[in-house]
Protein backbone atom coordinates (compact mmCIF):
# COMPACT_ATOMS: atom_id res chain seq x y z
CA MET A 1 242.04 -16.38 65.95
CA SER A 2 245.83 -15.97 65.51
CA HIS A 3 247.54 -12.66 64.79
CA LYS A 4 248.71 -14.00 61.40
CA THR A 5 245.19 -15.00 60.42
CA CYS A 6 243.84 -11.60 61.44
CA LYS A 7 246.51 -9.86 59.38
CA PHE A 8 245.73 -11.97 56.31
CA LEU A 9 242.00 -11.32 56.63
CA SER A 10 242.66 -7.60 57.03
CA ILE A 11 244.64 -7.63 53.77
CA LEU A 12 241.80 -9.35 51.96
CA LEU A 13 239.28 -6.92 53.42
CA THR A 14 241.41 -3.98 52.25
CA LEU A 15 241.51 -5.43 48.73
CA VAL A 16 237.77 -5.99 48.69
CA LEU A 17 237.09 -2.43 49.92
CA PHE A 18 239.52 -1.08 47.34
CA ALA A 19 237.76 -3.00 44.60
CA GLY A 20 234.37 -1.92 45.92
CA VAL A 21 234.94 1.73 45.06
CA MET A 22 235.54 0.85 41.44
CA THR A 23 232.83 1.08 38.82
CA THR A 24 230.99 -2.22 38.47
CA THR A 25 230.61 -3.38 34.89
CA VAL A 26 227.31 -4.86 33.74
CA TYR A 27 227.69 -7.89 31.48
CA GLY A 28 224.99 -8.63 28.95
CA ALA A 29 224.11 -11.96 27.43
CA ASP A 30 226.12 -11.03 24.36
CA ALA A 31 229.32 -10.30 26.32
CA LYS A 32 232.47 -11.79 24.82
CA LYS A 33 233.65 -14.67 27.00
CA ILE A 34 237.33 -15.01 27.94
CA PRO A 35 238.32 -18.72 28.06
CA ILE A 36 241.72 -18.21 29.72
CA VAL A 37 243.64 -15.37 31.35
CA LYS A 38 247.12 -14.97 29.90
CA PHE A 39 249.86 -12.47 30.72
CA ASP A 40 253.59 -12.22 31.43
CA TYR A 41 255.33 -10.25 34.13
CA THR A 42 258.95 -9.36 34.92
CA GLU A 43 260.16 -10.70 38.26
CA PRO A 44 261.79 -8.18 40.62
CA GLU A 45 265.52 -8.12 41.24
CA VAL A 46 267.33 -8.34 44.58
CA GLY A 47 267.70 -4.82 45.96
CA GLU A 48 264.92 -3.36 43.81
CA SER A 49 262.52 -1.03 45.61
CA ILE A 50 259.25 -2.82 46.33
CA THR A 51 257.28 0.42 45.97
CA ASP A 52 258.94 1.21 42.63
CA TYR A 53 258.36 -2.33 41.38
CA ILE A 54 254.63 -2.12 42.11
CA ALA A 55 254.40 1.32 40.53
CA ALA A 56 256.28 0.21 37.39
CA ARG A 57 253.51 -2.32 36.59
CA LYS A 58 255.88 -4.64 34.69
CA VAL A 59 253.09 -6.73 33.21
CA SER A 60 252.65 -7.59 29.54
CA ILE A 61 249.06 -8.34 28.50
CA PRO A 62 248.04 -9.38 24.95
CA ALA A 63 246.71 -6.41 22.99
CA ASP A 64 243.41 -8.15 22.29
CA ALA A 65 242.82 -9.32 25.87
CA GLY A 66 239.52 -8.52 27.53
CA TYR A 67 241.17 -7.37 30.75
CA THR A 68 243.67 -4.81 32.02
CA LEU A 69 245.98 -4.67 35.03
CA SER A 70 244.30 -3.04 38.02
CA TYR A 71 246.93 -3.32 40.77
CA ILE A 72 249.71 -5.52 42.22
CA VAL A 73 250.18 -6.66 45.81
CA VAL A 74 253.47 -8.00 47.24
CA GLN A 75 253.40 -10.03 50.49
CA HIS A 76 255.57 -12.44 52.45
CA VAL A 77 254.76 -16.14 52.59
CA ASN A 78 255.04 -17.55 56.09
CA GLY A 79 253.76 -21.11 56.25
CA GLY A 80 250.19 -20.95 55.02
CA TYR A 81 249.86 -17.21 55.67
CA TYR A 82 250.50 -14.11 53.62
CA GLU A 83 251.86 -11.12 55.56
CA ASP A 84 252.70 -7.49 54.84
CA VAL A 85 256.28 -6.76 53.85
CA GLU A 86 258.18 -4.49 56.23
CA GLU A 87 261.41 -4.05 54.26
CA THR A 88 261.68 -1.50 51.45
CA GLU A 89 263.72 -3.63 49.04
CA PHE A 90 263.44 -7.19 47.74
CA LEU A 91 265.76 -9.52 49.65
CA LYS A 92 267.55 -12.76 48.78
CA ASN A 93 266.24 -16.11 50.03
CA THR A 94 262.88 -14.59 50.98
CA ARG A 95 259.64 -16.07 49.72
CA TYR A 96 257.35 -13.45 48.22
CA HIS A 97 253.74 -13.78 47.11
CA ILE A 98 252.97 -11.51 44.16
CA SER A 99 249.27 -11.01 43.41
CA PHE A 100 247.94 -9.53 40.18
CA PHE A 101 244.43 -8.12 39.96
CA MET A 102 242.91 -7.62 36.53
CA ASP A 103 239.88 -5.51 35.58
CA LEU A 104 237.52 -6.88 32.96
CA LYS A 105 236.97 -4.54 30.04
CA PRO A 106 233.37 -3.54 29.29
CA GLY A 107 231.65 -6.09 27.08
CA TYR A 108 233.68 -9.04 28.38
CA THR A 109 232.93 -11.81 30.83
CA ILE A 110 234.99 -14.78 31.99
CA ASP A 111 234.73 -18.55 32.10
CA TYR A 112 235.03 -19.67 35.70
CA ASP A 113 234.01 -22.50 37.99
CA LYS A 114 231.48 -21.17 40.50
CA ASP A 115 231.51 -24.46 42.36
CA TYR A 116 235.23 -24.32 43.11
CA TYR A 117 236.15 -20.98 44.68
CA ASN A 118 235.34 -19.11 41.46
CA GLU A 119 238.36 -20.73 39.82
CA VAL A 120 239.71 -19.16 36.63
CA PRO A 121 242.12 -20.86 34.19
CA ALA A 122 245.23 -18.69 33.90
CA TRP A 123 248.53 -18.80 32.05
CA LEU A 124 251.23 -16.75 33.77
CA ASN A 125 254.75 -16.43 32.33
CA GLY A 126 254.15 -19.48 30.18
CA ARG A 127 252.88 -21.68 33.02
CA GLN A 128 249.45 -22.71 34.25
CA TRP A 129 248.21 -21.21 37.49
CA ASP A 130 244.81 -21.11 39.17
CA GLY A 131 243.10 -17.76 39.47
CA GLN A 132 239.86 -16.47 40.96
CA PHE A 133 237.11 -14.16 39.75
CA PHE A 134 235.28 -11.67 41.98
CA GLU A 135 232.09 -11.28 39.99
CA GLU A 136 230.72 -8.31 41.93
CA ASP A 137 233.75 -6.19 41.08
CA GLY A 138 234.82 -7.70 37.76
CA LEU A 139 238.24 -8.53 39.23
CA ILE A 140 240.45 -11.44 38.19
CA TYR A 141 243.07 -12.57 40.70
CA VAL A 142 246.20 -14.54 39.75
CA ALA A 143 249.27 -14.98 41.97
CA GLU A 144 252.46 -16.96 42.41
CA THR A 145 255.29 -17.25 44.90
CA ILE A 146 258.93 -16.52 44.10
CA ILE A 147 262.33 -16.64 45.80
CA LEU A 148 264.83 -14.36 44.12
CA ASP A 149 268.20 -15.76 42.95
CA LYS A 150 266.90 -19.33 43.01
CA VAL A 151 265.61 -21.64 40.27
CA LYS A 152 261.88 -22.29 40.45
CA ILE A 153 260.61 -25.87 40.13
CA TYR A 154 257.21 -25.84 38.46
CA GLU A 155 256.47 -29.54 38.19
CA PHE A 156 257.56 -33.01 39.19
CA GLN A 157 257.53 -35.77 36.60
CA ILE A 158 257.13 -39.40 37.58
CA ASP A 159 258.58 -41.67 34.91
CA ILE A 160 256.97 -45.11 35.07
CA THR A 161 258.44 -47.77 32.79
CA GLU A 162 255.48 -48.69 30.62
CA PRO A 163 254.59 -52.36 30.22
CA ALA A 164 255.18 -54.34 27.05
CA VAL A 165 254.21 -57.89 26.19
CA GLY A 166 257.00 -60.28 27.12
CA LYS A 167 258.70 -57.86 29.57
CA THR A 168 258.87 -58.12 33.35
CA PRO A 169 257.51 -55.26 35.50
CA VAL A 170 259.77 -52.51 36.86
CA PHE A 171 258.89 -51.75 40.46
CA ASN A 172 260.21 -48.22 40.79
CA ALA A 173 259.64 -44.88 39.06
CA LYS A 174 262.15 -42.07 38.77
CA VAL A 175 261.20 -38.60 39.96
CA LEU A 176 262.37 -35.66 37.84
CA THR A 177 261.86 -31.93 38.19
CA ILE A 178 260.86 -29.38 35.57
CA PRO A 179 263.15 -27.58 34.97
CA ALA A 180 265.60 -30.43 35.43
CA GLY A 181 268.22 -30.80 38.13
CA GLY A 182 266.35 -29.66 41.23
CA ILE A 183 266.65 -32.89 43.23
CA ASP A 184 269.06 -35.76 43.70
CA ASP A 185 268.11 -39.01 41.99
CA THR A 186 264.89 -40.11 43.67
CA PHE A 187 262.82 -43.23 43.05
CA LEU A 188 259.32 -44.16 44.22
CA ASN A 189 257.90 -47.62 44.69
CA VAL A 190 255.51 -48.88 42.01
CA THR A 191 253.01 -51.69 42.56
CA TRP A 192 251.72 -53.47 39.44
CA TYR A 193 248.32 -55.14 39.14
CA GLU A 194 246.81 -57.30 36.42
CA SER A 195 243.06 -57.09 35.92
CA ASP A 196 240.34 -56.75 33.29
CA ASP A 197 238.15 -55.02 35.86
CA GLU A 198 238.68 -51.25 35.92
CA SER A 199 237.39 -51.08 39.49
CA MET A 200 240.38 -53.32 40.40
CA THR A 201 238.13 -55.52 42.58
CA SER A 202 239.61 -58.61 40.92
CA ALA A 203 243.13 -57.24 40.45
CA ARG A 204 246.10 -59.54 41.02
CA LYS A 205 249.26 -58.02 42.45
CA MET A 206 252.24 -58.85 40.25
CA VAL A 207 255.61 -60.16 41.40
CA SER A 208 259.08 -59.91 39.90
CA SER A 209 258.80 -63.28 38.12
CA ASP A 210 255.66 -62.21 36.20
CA VAL A 211 255.73 -61.38 32.51
CA PHE A 212 253.33 -58.96 30.85
CA LYS A 213 250.78 -60.64 28.57
CA PRO A 214 248.06 -59.13 26.38
CA GLY A 215 245.54 -57.48 28.70
CA LYS A 216 245.07 -54.55 31.09
CA TYR A 217 247.50 -53.57 33.82
CA TYR A 218 247.60 -50.96 36.57
CA ALA A 219 250.58 -49.16 38.07
CA THR A 220 250.16 -47.54 41.50
CA VAL A 221 252.74 -45.07 42.75
CA VAL A 222 252.70 -44.84 46.54
CA ASP A 223 254.75 -42.54 48.71
CA GLU A 224 254.29 -41.81 52.39
CA GLU A 225 254.54 -38.08 51.80
CA PRO A 226 252.87 -36.25 48.90
CA VAL A 227 255.26 -35.88 46.00
CA TYR A 228 253.81 -32.55 44.93
CA ARG A 229 254.94 -30.93 48.21
CA ALA A 230 258.43 -32.39 47.80
CA ARG A 231 258.61 -33.47 51.44
CA SER A 232 260.03 -36.86 50.56
CA MET A 233 262.93 -35.57 48.49
CA LYS A 234 265.84 -33.27 49.13
CA LEU A 235 265.95 -30.16 46.97
CA LYS A 236 269.39 -29.17 45.76
CA ASP A 237 270.83 -25.83 46.85
CA GLY A 238 269.59 -22.99 44.70
CA TYR A 239 266.18 -24.54 43.91
CA TYR A 240 262.72 -23.98 45.37
CA ILE A 241 259.15 -25.08 44.77
CA GLY A 242 257.35 -22.50 42.68
CA ASP A 243 253.98 -22.98 44.35
CA ARG A 244 252.59 -24.90 47.30
CA TYR A 245 250.66 -27.04 44.86
CA SER A 246 253.10 -27.78 42.08
CA ILE A 247 251.64 -30.20 39.58
CA ASP A 248 252.82 -33.76 39.17
CA ILE A 249 252.97 -35.44 35.79
CA TYR A 250 252.64 -39.22 35.75
CA ASN A 251 253.62 -40.29 32.24
CA GLY A 252 251.59 -37.50 30.74
CA TYR A 253 248.78 -37.42 33.31
CA PHE A 254 248.51 -34.38 35.58
CA SER A 255 247.58 -35.08 39.19
CA ASN A 256 247.90 -33.68 42.69
CA ASN A 257 247.29 -37.14 44.12
CA PRO A 258 250.44 -38.89 45.40
CA ASP A 259 248.70 -42.29 45.46
CA TYR A 260 248.16 -42.36 41.75
CA THR A 261 246.97 -45.21 39.58
CA THR A 262 247.44 -45.29 35.83
CA ILE A 263 245.86 -47.86 33.53
CA TYR A 264 247.63 -49.55 30.64
CA GLY A 265 246.03 -51.71 28.04
CA PRO A 266 244.94 -53.56 26.15
CA LEU A 267 248.63 -54.14 25.48
CA SER A 268 249.94 -54.72 21.98
CA GLY A 269 249.01 -58.20 20.81
CA SER A 270 245.81 -58.34 22.83
CA SER A 271 242.75 -59.88 21.29
CA ALA A 272 240.62 -57.25 22.99
CA PRO A 273 239.14 -54.74 20.52
CA VAL A 274 240.73 -51.31 20.33
CA ASP A 275 238.29 -48.53 19.47
CA GLU A 276 239.02 -46.33 16.50
CA PRO A 277 239.55 -42.71 17.49
CA PRO A 278 236.23 -40.83 17.22
CA ALA A 279 235.67 -38.17 14.60
CA ILE A 280 237.46 -34.94 15.39
CA SER A 281 234.38 -32.81 14.90
CA ALA A 282 232.32 -34.94 17.29
CA VAL A 283 234.52 -34.98 20.39
CA GLY A 284 237.11 -33.07 22.33
CA VAL A 285 240.79 -33.84 21.89
CA SER A 286 240.92 -35.35 25.39
CA GLU A 287 238.61 -38.07 24.11
CA VAL A 288 240.85 -38.73 21.14
CA PHE A 289 244.08 -38.97 23.16
CA THR A 290 244.05 -41.05 26.33
CA ASP A 291 247.06 -39.18 27.76
CA VAL A 292 245.41 -35.74 27.53
CA PRO A 293 243.28 -35.12 30.66
CA ASP A 294 240.16 -32.97 30.60
CA ASN A 295 241.78 -30.36 32.86
CA ALA A 296 245.11 -30.12 31.01
CA TRP A 297 246.43 -26.54 30.98
CA TYR A 298 247.25 -26.82 27.27
CA LEU A 299 243.89 -28.38 26.25
CA PRO A 300 242.32 -25.40 24.41
CA TYR A 301 245.52 -24.87 22.42
CA LEU A 302 245.89 -28.53 21.48
CA GLN A 303 242.21 -28.67 20.51
CA LYS A 304 242.66 -25.80 18.07
CA ALA A 305 245.92 -27.17 16.65
CA PHE A 306 244.42 -30.65 16.26
CA ASP A 307 241.13 -29.49 14.73
CA SER A 308 243.14 -27.51 12.18
CA GLY A 309 244.98 -30.66 11.15
CA ILE A 310 248.40 -29.21 12.01
CA VAL A 311 249.35 -31.68 14.75
CA GLY A 312 248.57 -35.33 15.33
CA GLY A 313 249.37 -37.94 17.92
CA THR A 314 252.40 -40.11 18.45
CA THR A 315 250.00 -43.05 18.09
CA ALA A 316 246.32 -43.31 17.17
CA ASP A 317 245.27 -42.56 20.76
CA THR A 318 248.23 -40.81 22.43
CA TYR A 319 249.64 -37.32 22.05
CA THR A 320 252.58 -37.66 24.52
CA PRO A 321 252.25 -34.08 25.81
CA ASN A 322 255.40 -34.23 27.91
CA GLY A 323 257.54 -35.87 25.26
CA ASN A 324 260.23 -33.75 23.64
CA LEU A 325 259.61 -32.40 20.15
CA ASN A 326 262.16 -33.42 17.52
CA HIS A 327 263.20 -31.77 14.26
CA GLY A 328 261.21 -34.18 12.10
CA GLN A 329 258.01 -33.42 14.03
CA ILE A 330 258.44 -29.65 13.84
CA MET A 331 259.10 -29.95 10.10
CA VAL A 332 255.66 -31.54 9.79
CA MET A 333 254.09 -28.68 11.77
CA ALA A 334 255.88 -25.95 9.81
CA ALA A 335 254.98 -27.54 6.47
CA ASN A 336 251.30 -27.91 7.40
CA LEU A 337 251.09 -24.35 8.74
CA HIS A 338 252.75 -22.85 5.68
CA SER A 339 250.55 -24.85 3.31
CA ALA A 340 247.43 -23.78 5.24
CA GLN A 341 248.31 -20.10 4.95
CA LYS A 342 249.44 -20.37 1.32
CA GLY A 343 246.31 -22.33 0.41
CA ASP A 344 248.18 -24.62 -1.96
CA HIS A 345 246.41 -27.74 -0.62
CA TYR A 346 249.68 -29.65 -0.90
CA ASP A 347 249.03 -33.39 -0.61
CA PHE A 348 251.93 -34.61 1.52
CA GLN A 349 250.74 -38.22 1.55
CA ALA A 350 250.42 -38.39 -2.22
CA ASN A 351 253.92 -36.95 -2.66
CA LYS A 352 255.63 -39.44 -0.36
CA LYS A 353 258.12 -41.71 -2.10
CA ALA A 354 258.61 -45.39 -1.33
CA GLY A 355 261.45 -46.04 1.11
CA GLU A 356 261.71 -42.44 2.30
CA ALA A 357 261.77 -41.49 5.98
CA TRP A 358 258.41 -40.43 7.42
CA TYR A 359 259.53 -36.79 7.66
CA GLN A 360 261.22 -36.48 4.24
CA VAL A 361 258.28 -35.14 2.23
CA PHE A 362 257.73 -32.43 4.87
CA GLU A 363 261.42 -31.54 5.01
CA ASP A 364 261.55 -31.29 1.21
CA TYR A 365 258.53 -28.99 1.21
CA CYS A 366 260.03 -26.77 3.93
CA LYS A 367 263.23 -26.39 1.91
CA LYS A 368 261.38 -25.75 -1.34
CA GLU A 369 259.31 -23.00 0.31
CA GLY A 370 262.36 -21.39 1.96
CA ILE A 371 261.29 -22.17 5.52
CA ILE A 372 264.56 -23.94 6.34
CA ASP A 373 267.94 -24.54 4.75
CA ASN A 374 270.28 -27.54 5.16
CA ARG A 375 271.43 -26.75 8.70
CA PHE A 376 269.36 -29.52 10.30
CA ASP A 377 270.18 -32.27 7.83
CA GLY A 378 270.80 -35.48 9.77
CA LYS A 379 269.19 -34.11 12.93
CA GLU A 380 265.60 -35.04 12.09
CA ASN A 381 265.31 -37.48 15.00
CA GLN A 382 267.10 -35.21 17.49
CA ASN A 383 265.26 -33.00 19.97
CA VAL A 384 264.70 -29.39 18.94
CA ASN A 385 265.49 -26.58 21.40
CA ARG A 386 263.61 -23.32 21.86
CA ALA A 387 266.05 -21.28 19.78
CA GLU A 388 265.87 -23.71 16.85
CA MET A 389 262.09 -23.80 17.16
CA ALA A 390 262.06 -20.01 16.71
CA TYR A 391 263.97 -20.41 13.44
CA TYR A 392 261.31 -22.77 12.06
CA PHE A 393 258.28 -20.74 13.12
CA ALA A 394 259.76 -17.32 12.26
CA ASN A 395 260.06 -18.43 8.62
CA THR A 396 256.77 -20.33 8.35
CA LEU A 397 254.33 -17.45 7.76
CA THR A 398 254.25 -14.45 5.45
CA GLU A 399 255.95 -11.36 6.91
CA SER A 400 252.62 -9.58 7.36
CA SER A 401 251.55 -12.24 9.87
CA TYR A 402 254.24 -11.28 12.40
CA MET A 403 252.59 -8.08 13.61
CA VAL A 404 254.20 -6.49 16.67
CA LYS A 405 251.69 -6.94 19.50
CA LYS A 406 253.83 -6.39 22.60
CA ASP A 407 257.11 -4.98 23.85
CA ILE A 408 259.32 -7.61 25.38
CA VAL A 409 263.01 -7.66 26.30
CA LEU A 410 264.74 -11.02 26.62
CA ASN A 411 268.15 -10.97 28.30
CA ASP A 412 269.47 -14.46 27.56
CA ILE A 413 269.26 -14.76 23.76
CA GLU A 414 272.32 -12.76 22.68
CA GLY A 415 274.79 -15.05 20.96
CA SER A 416 272.28 -17.88 20.51
CA GLY A 417 272.41 -17.50 16.73
CA TYR A 418 268.62 -17.07 16.58
CA GLU A 419 268.19 -13.75 18.39
CA GLU A 420 266.38 -12.11 15.48
CA GLU A 421 263.92 -15.00 15.07
CA ILE A 422 263.19 -15.22 18.81
CA ASN A 423 262.48 -11.49 19.08
CA LYS A 424 260.29 -11.66 15.99
CA LEU A 425 258.07 -14.35 17.53
CA ALA A 426 258.07 -12.86 21.03
CA LYS A 427 256.93 -9.44 19.82
CA ALA A 428 254.22 -11.10 17.74
CA ASP A 429 253.04 -12.85 20.94
CA ILE A 430 253.64 -16.28 19.43
CA VAL A 431 256.20 -17.38 22.02
CA GLY A 432 256.75 -16.12 25.56
CA GLY A 433 259.54 -15.93 28.08
CA LYS A 434 259.98 -17.84 31.31
CA GLY A 435 260.06 -14.93 33.72
CA ALA A 436 262.78 -12.44 34.71
CA GLY A 437 263.40 -11.71 31.03
CA LYS A 438 264.50 -15.27 30.30
CA TYR A 439 263.65 -17.13 27.09
CA ASP A 440 265.76 -20.25 27.76
CA PRO A 441 267.03 -20.70 24.17
CA SER A 442 268.76 -24.03 24.90
CA GLY A 443 265.75 -25.52 26.68
CA LEU A 444 263.99 -28.39 24.94
CA VAL A 445 260.41 -28.08 23.69
CA ILE A 446 257.74 -30.47 24.96
CA ARG A 447 254.77 -31.33 22.77
CA ALA A 448 252.29 -29.60 25.10
CA GLU A 449 254.17 -26.33 24.64
CA ALA A 450 254.30 -26.91 20.89
CA ALA A 451 250.49 -27.04 20.82
CA VAL A 452 250.40 -23.58 22.41
CA PHE A 453 252.84 -22.17 19.85
CA ILE A 454 250.85 -23.72 16.99
CA SER A 455 247.63 -22.23 18.34
CA ASN A 456 249.27 -18.81 18.55
CA ILE A 457 250.51 -19.12 14.97
CA LEU A 458 247.02 -20.07 13.81
CA ASP A 459 245.80 -16.88 15.49
CA ALA A 460 248.44 -14.95 13.54
CA ILE A 461 247.24 -16.56 10.30
CA GLY A 462 243.66 -15.78 11.21
CA GLU A 463 242.53 -19.42 11.18
């Protein structure tokens, strides 16, 4: 066994022994179950004392959470190993592994997958991470890697040009990073197949002279090196991969598989029957929307927002989770939320006027109720950024709904024009930052994130 492996095992043993001296909580059948672990933390700064950082416990946990911070561990990442730090201060261009251990409060238990390393769904600094649960000690473990003074890439997005009847196939897909700008323009090869057999046993490989017809098609993205480890693309200076297993998004589907196949069809114009979406009360939202996978990080939030009738899909069977939210769409959300809290049962469909834009009745309602003014006139089809989103949601509810639940300091919102609204939502635990005290006011909002914000607002309403 290597020295590195021994050191890593010794660290784990120390943690286990440390946890073993703690009081073990007994969980009864009536224990309140935690569906997801959620907390924010402040990243360290270059030159900050490692000991002081650990002692400061810069972690923000929701007031109603069923867990508390137990302790923090800081290690180096060296290949696949975690090692003790020898320096006293955080250094530039050094990869650190920060582990957070949470204690369950008495009367709480946690949802976790016993068949997969006791996996726990976790949401850390506004992003999904995998955690683990040590049942014997009631400890929840969540960690991530950071490199100070660099921009963290959380995800890669593979943009496949979707097929349409009468169009020819496009045989490459562009690779993007989230946040944007981390790599030079990179394209992957796409192979298209035509088949009515989902097992693809009778699939026909398409060529450049083919034209899409009504029917089912398959797009396969193949790359010699896994995309999610970024080995096949050159990162720009100042960027790094946030985790060894960053998630890929293939047109809305999450996957860690670089040889990914996505199914399209029946295409528009097909004679094949298209099922009506099932009743909301009978199925999960992932069965309603074909582009929402069962393991999506935002699934419980979208389920709540959808069941409440606040959000809908971009089509009858798609939600487009990674599409940007525009002003018209957020006007719909704000109007529905305000009406739900007010209890006025406003019938938006009945109040639509012939020839009006799809968003107009919602915009009119928002103005009538004082949610918005005229500042976004003419921008209804433009993307909304995080600062503008705060303006909408900070005016949607009654003042009593924005209870202060946490202390949070955001260092990049001064001068945005919406500082007051952002702080109002952040302290009410409706929106979160992106680490290191950043809110990213100019960043665009994707529809998956919007579902989270809507769910948080429903919690504030008490729905």
